[in-house]
Amino acid sequence: MVRRIVTIELESGLEARPVAMLVQVASQYDSSIYVECDSRKVNAKSIMGMMTLGLTAGEQVVVTASGADEEKAVDGIAKYLTEG
């Protein structure tokens, strides 16, 4: 399992369109990927789950991945959240 703390640097935070893009990025990987904020943990491949987090720019989240490509998965999600 790979775990990384990431600060969201997307200007608009994670609204509908950025969430959809994040889910597309996450779906490219075979690993199970989760995003945690406060006490909530959701599947990064779930649009509805990610929308419930209501994340804004500047917030920190913990991204975890477990599976064959877990390192690449965490790298890909972190890159999207920091660079868009």
N, C-alpha and C. Protein backbone atom coordinates (compact mmCIF):
# COMPACT_ATOMS: atom_id res chain seq x y z
N MET A 1 0.84 -1.18 0.00
CA MET A 1 0.00 0.00 0.00
C MET A 1 0.89 1.24 0.00
N VAL A 2 0.53 2.19 -0.84
CA VAL A 2 1.25 3.47 -0.93
C VAL A 2 0.31 4.55 -0.43
N ARG A 3 0.86 5.48 0.36
CA ARG A 3 0.06 6.53 0.98
C ARG A 3 0.79 7.85 0.82
N ARG A 4 0.08 8.90 0.42
CA ARG A 4 0.72 10.20 0.25
C ARG A 4 -0.25 11.33 0.61
N ILE A 5 0.27 12.34 1.29
CA ILE A 5 -0.52 13.53 1.59
C ILE A 5 -0.34 14.50 0.42
N VAL A 6 -1.47 15.00 -0.09
CA VAL A 6 -1.45 15.88 -1.26
C VAL A 6 -2.29 17.12 -0.94
N THR A 7 -1.77 18.28 -1.31
CA THR A 7 -2.53 19.53 -1.18
C THR A 7 -3.18 19.83 -2.52
N ILE A 8 -4.48 20.06 -2.51
CA ILE A 8 -5.22 20.34 -3.74
C ILE A 8 -4.87 21.73 -4.23
N GLU A 9 -4.36 21.81 -5.44
CA GLU A 9 -3.96 23.10 -6.00
C GLU A 9 -4.80 23.50 -7.21
N LEU A 10 -5.89 22.78 -7.45
CA LEU A 10 -6.80 23.16 -8.52
C LEU A 10 -7.55 24.41 -8.09
N GLU A 11 -7.58 25.44 -8.93
CA GLU A 11 -8.19 26.72 -8.58
C GLU A 11 -9.61 26.59 -8.05
N SER A 12 -10.42 25.81 -8.76
CA SER A 12 -11.83 25.70 -8.39
C SER A 12 -12.09 24.59 -7.38
N GLY A 13 -11.04 23.94 -6.91
CA GLY A 13 -11.24 22.80 -6.02
C GLY A 13 -11.78 21.62 -6.81
N LEU A 14 -12.49 20.75 -6.15
CA LEU A 14 -13.04 19.58 -6.84
C LEU A 14 -14.54 19.73 -7.00
N GLU A 15 -14.92 20.51 -8.02
CA GLU A 15 -16.31 20.63 -8.41
C GLU A 15 -16.62 19.53 -9.41
N ALA A 16 -17.78 19.57 -10.03
CA ALA A 16 -18.23 18.48 -10.91
C ALA A 16 -17.24 18.09 -12.00
N ARG A 17 -16.79 19.03 -12.81
CA ARG A 17 -15.89 18.70 -13.91
C ARG A 17 -14.53 18.18 -13.43
N PRO A 18 -13.88 18.86 -12.46
CA PRO A 18 -12.60 18.31 -11.97
C PRO A 18 -12.76 16.94 -11.32
N VAL A 19 -13.89 16.68 -10.66
CA VAL A 19 -14.11 15.36 -10.07
C VAL A 19 -14.21 14.32 -11.17
N ALA A 20 -14.95 14.64 -12.25
CA ALA A 20 -15.08 13.70 -13.37
C ALA A 20 -13.71 13.39 -13.97
N MET A 21 -12.88 14.39 -14.09
CA MET A 21 -11.53 14.18 -14.64
C MET A 21 -10.69 13.33 -13.68
N LEU A 22 -10.81 13.58 -12.39
CA LEU A 22 -10.08 12.80 -11.40
C LEU A 22 -10.48 11.32 -11.47
N VAL A 23 -11.77 11.07 -11.60
CA VAL A 23 -12.27 9.69 -11.71
C VAL A 23 -11.72 9.03 -12.98
N GLN A 24 -11.63 9.79 -14.07
CA GLN A 24 -11.04 9.24 -15.29
C GLN A 24 -9.58 8.87 -15.08
N VAL A 25 -8.84 9.73 -14.40
CA VAL A 25 -7.43 9.44 -14.12
C VAL A 25 -7.34 8.19 -13.25
N ALA A 26 -8.12 8.12 -12.19
CA ALA A 26 -8.09 6.97 -11.28
C ALA A 26 -8.47 5.68 -11.99
N SER A 27 -9.41 5.75 -12.90
CA SER A 27 -9.89 4.55 -13.60
C SER A 27 -8.86 3.95 -14.55
N GLN A 28 -7.80 4.67 -14.84
CA GLN A 28 -6.74 4.17 -15.71
C GLN A 28 -5.87 3.12 -15.00
N TYR A 29 -5.99 3.05 -13.68
CA TYR A 29 -5.14 2.16 -12.89
C TYR A 29 -5.93 0.96 -12.37
N ASP A 30 -5.23 -0.17 -12.24
CA ASP A 30 -5.86 -1.38 -11.73
C ASP A 30 -5.98 -1.36 -10.21
N SER A 31 -5.15 -0.60 -9.54
CA SER A 31 -5.13 -0.55 -8.08
C SER A 31 -6.42 0.03 -7.52
N SER A 32 -6.70 -0.31 -6.26
CA SER A 32 -7.77 0.33 -5.51
C SER A 32 -7.21 1.65 -5.01
N ILE A 33 -7.93 2.74 -5.25
CA ILE A 33 -7.45 4.07 -4.89
C ILE A 33 -8.50 4.76 -4.03
N TYR A 34 -8.04 5.32 -2.92
CA TYR A 34 -8.95 6.02 -2.01
C TYR A 34 -8.42 7.40 -1.69
N VAL A 35 -9.35 8.34 -1.48
CA VAL A 35 -9.01 9.69 -1.07
C VAL A 35 -9.65 9.91 0.29
N GLU A 36 -8.85 10.39 1.24
CA GLU A 36 -9.34 10.62 2.60
C GLU A 36 -9.22 12.09 2.95
N CYS A 37 -10.27 12.61 3.58
CA CYS A 37 -10.24 13.98 4.10
C CYS A 37 -11.02 13.96 5.41
N ASP A 38 -10.40 14.48 6.47
CA ASP A 38 -10.96 14.40 7.81
C ASP A 38 -11.19 12.93 8.14
N SER A 39 -12.41 12.55 8.45
CA SER A 39 -12.68 11.15 8.80
C SER A 39 -13.38 10.41 7.66
N ARG A 40 -13.48 11.05 6.51
CA ARG A 40 -14.17 10.44 5.36
C ARG A 40 -13.17 9.85 4.38
N LYS A 41 -13.48 8.64 3.91
CA LYS A 41 -12.61 7.94 2.95
C LYS A 41 -13.51 7.43 1.82
N VAL A 42 -13.19 7.85 0.58
CA VAL A 42 -14.02 7.44 -0.55
C VAL A 42 -13.17 6.85 -1.67
N ASN A 43 -13.81 6.04 -2.47
CA ASN A 43 -13.18 5.43 -3.63
C ASN A 43 -12.95 6.52 -4.69
N ALA A 44 -11.72 6.68 -5.14
CA ALA A 44 -11.38 7.72 -6.12
C ALA A 44 -11.98 7.42 -7.49
N LYS A 45 -12.50 6.22 -7.69
CA LYS A 45 -13.11 5.86 -8.97
C LYS A 45 -14.61 6.08 -8.96
N SER A 46 -15.14 6.66 -7.89
CA SER A 46 -16.57 6.91 -7.74
C SER A 46 -16.86 8.41 -7.82
N ILE A 47 -17.58 8.82 -8.85
CA ILE A 47 -17.92 10.24 -9.00
C ILE A 47 -18.75 10.71 -7.81
N MET A 48 -19.78 9.95 -7.46
CA MET A 48 -20.65 10.36 -6.36
C MET A 48 -19.88 10.42 -5.04
N GLY A 49 -19.02 9.44 -4.81
CA GLY A 49 -18.23 9.44 -3.59
C GLY A 49 -17.33 10.66 -3.50
N MET A 50 -16.65 10.96 -4.59
CA MET A 50 -15.74 12.11 -4.61
C MET A 50 -16.50 13.42 -4.44
N MET A 51 -17.69 13.52 -5.01
CA MET A 51 -18.50 14.74 -4.87
C MET A 51 -18.89 14.98 -3.42
N THR A 52 -19.09 13.92 -2.65
CA THR A 52 -19.50 14.09 -1.25
C THR A 52 -18.42 14.73 -0.40
N LEU A 53 -17.16 14.66 -0.84
CA LEU A 53 -16.07 15.26 -0.06
C LEU A 53 -16.09 16.78 -0.12
N GLY A 54 -16.56 17.35 -1.24
CA GLY A 54 -16.63 18.80 -1.37
C GLY A 54 -15.30 19.50 -1.13
N LEU A 55 -14.26 19.01 -1.76
CA LEU A 55 -12.91 19.52 -1.53
C LEU A 55 -12.66 20.85 -2.23
N THR A 56 -11.93 21.73 -1.54
CA THR A 56 -11.61 23.03 -2.11
C THR A 56 -10.09 23.20 -2.24
N ALA A 57 -9.70 24.20 -3.00
CA ALA A 57 -8.27 24.47 -3.19
C ALA A 57 -7.61 24.75 -1.84
N GLY A 58 -6.42 24.20 -1.65
CA GLY A 58 -5.68 24.40 -0.42
C GLY A 58 -5.88 23.31 0.62
N GLU A 59 -6.92 22.50 0.46
CA GLU A 59 -7.15 21.40 1.41
C GLU A 59 -6.14 20.29 1.20
N GLN A 60 -5.84 19.59 2.29
CA GLN A 60 -4.94 18.44 2.19
C GLN A 60 -5.76 17.16 2.29
N VAL A 61 -5.39 16.20 1.44
CA VAL A 61 -6.04 14.90 1.44
C VAL A 61 -4.96 13.83 1.51
N VAL A 62 -5.37 12.64 1.90
CA VAL A 62 -4.47 11.50 1.89
C VAL A 62 -4.92 10.59 0.76
N VAL A 63 -4.03 10.31 -0.16
CA VAL A 63 -4.32 9.41 -1.28
C VAL A 63 -3.64 8.08 -0.98
N THR A 64 -4.41 7.00 -1.02
CA THR A 64 -3.84 5.67 -0.80
C THR A 64 -4.20 4.78 -1.98
N ALA A 65 -3.28 3.90 -2.31
CA ALA A 65 -3.52 2.95 -3.40
C ALA A 65 -2.93 1.61 -3.01
N SER A 66 -3.61 0.56 -3.44
CA SER A 66 -3.15 -0.79 -3.16
C SER A 66 -3.38 -1.64 -4.40
N GLY A 67 -2.31 -2.25 -4.90
CA GLY A 67 -2.44 -3.08 -6.08
C GLY A 67 -1.16 -3.11 -6.88
N ALA A 68 -1.26 -3.69 -8.07
CA ALA A 68 -0.08 -3.90 -8.92
C ALA A 68 0.60 -2.60 -9.34
N ASP A 69 -0.18 -1.56 -9.59
CA ASP A 69 0.38 -0.29 -10.06
C ASP A 69 0.16 0.84 -9.05
N GLU A 70 0.22 0.51 -7.77
CA GLU A 70 -0.11 1.47 -6.71
C GLU A 70 0.77 2.72 -6.72
N GLU A 71 2.05 2.56 -6.97
CA GLU A 71 2.95 3.72 -7.00
C GLU A 71 2.58 4.67 -8.13
N LYS A 72 2.35 4.12 -9.32
CA LYS A 72 1.95 4.95 -10.47
C LYS A 72 0.59 5.60 -10.22
N ALA A 73 -0.30 4.87 -9.57
CA ALA A 73 -1.64 5.39 -9.30
C ALA A 73 -1.57 6.61 -8.39
N VAL A 74 -0.83 6.51 -7.31
CA VAL A 74 -0.69 7.64 -6.38
C VAL A 74 0.00 8.82 -7.07
N ASP A 75 1.03 8.52 -7.87
CA ASP A 75 1.72 9.58 -8.61
C ASP A 75 0.74 10.29 -9.56
N GLY A 76 -0.07 9.52 -10.28
CA GLY A 76 -1.01 10.09 -11.24
C GLY A 76 -2.07 10.96 -10.56
N ILE A 77 -2.61 10.49 -9.45
CA ILE A 77 -3.62 11.26 -8.73
C ILE A 77 -3.00 12.52 -8.14
N ALA A 78 -1.82 12.39 -7.54
CA ALA A 78 -1.14 13.56 -6.96
C ALA A 78 -0.84 14.60 -8.04
N LYS A 79 -0.38 14.14 -9.18
CA LYS A 79 -0.07 15.06 -10.28
C LYS A 79 -1.33 15.81 -10.72
N TYR A 80 -2.44 15.10 -10.85
CA TYR A 80 -3.68 15.76 -11.26
C TYR A 80 -4.12 16.80 -10.23
N LEU A 81 -4.07 16.44 -8.95
CA LEU A 81 -4.54 17.35 -7.90
C LEU A 81 -3.65 18.58 -7.75
N THR A 82 -2.39 18.48 -8.14
CA THR A 82 -1.48 19.60 -7.97
C THR A 82 -1.27 20.41 -9.26
N GLU A 83 -1.45 19.75 -10.41
CA GLU A 83 -1.19 20.43 -11.68
C GLU A 83 -2.42 20.61 -12.56
N GLY A 84 -3.43 19.78 -12.34
CA GLY A 84 -4.64 19.85 -13.15
C GLY A 84 -4.54 19.14 -14.45
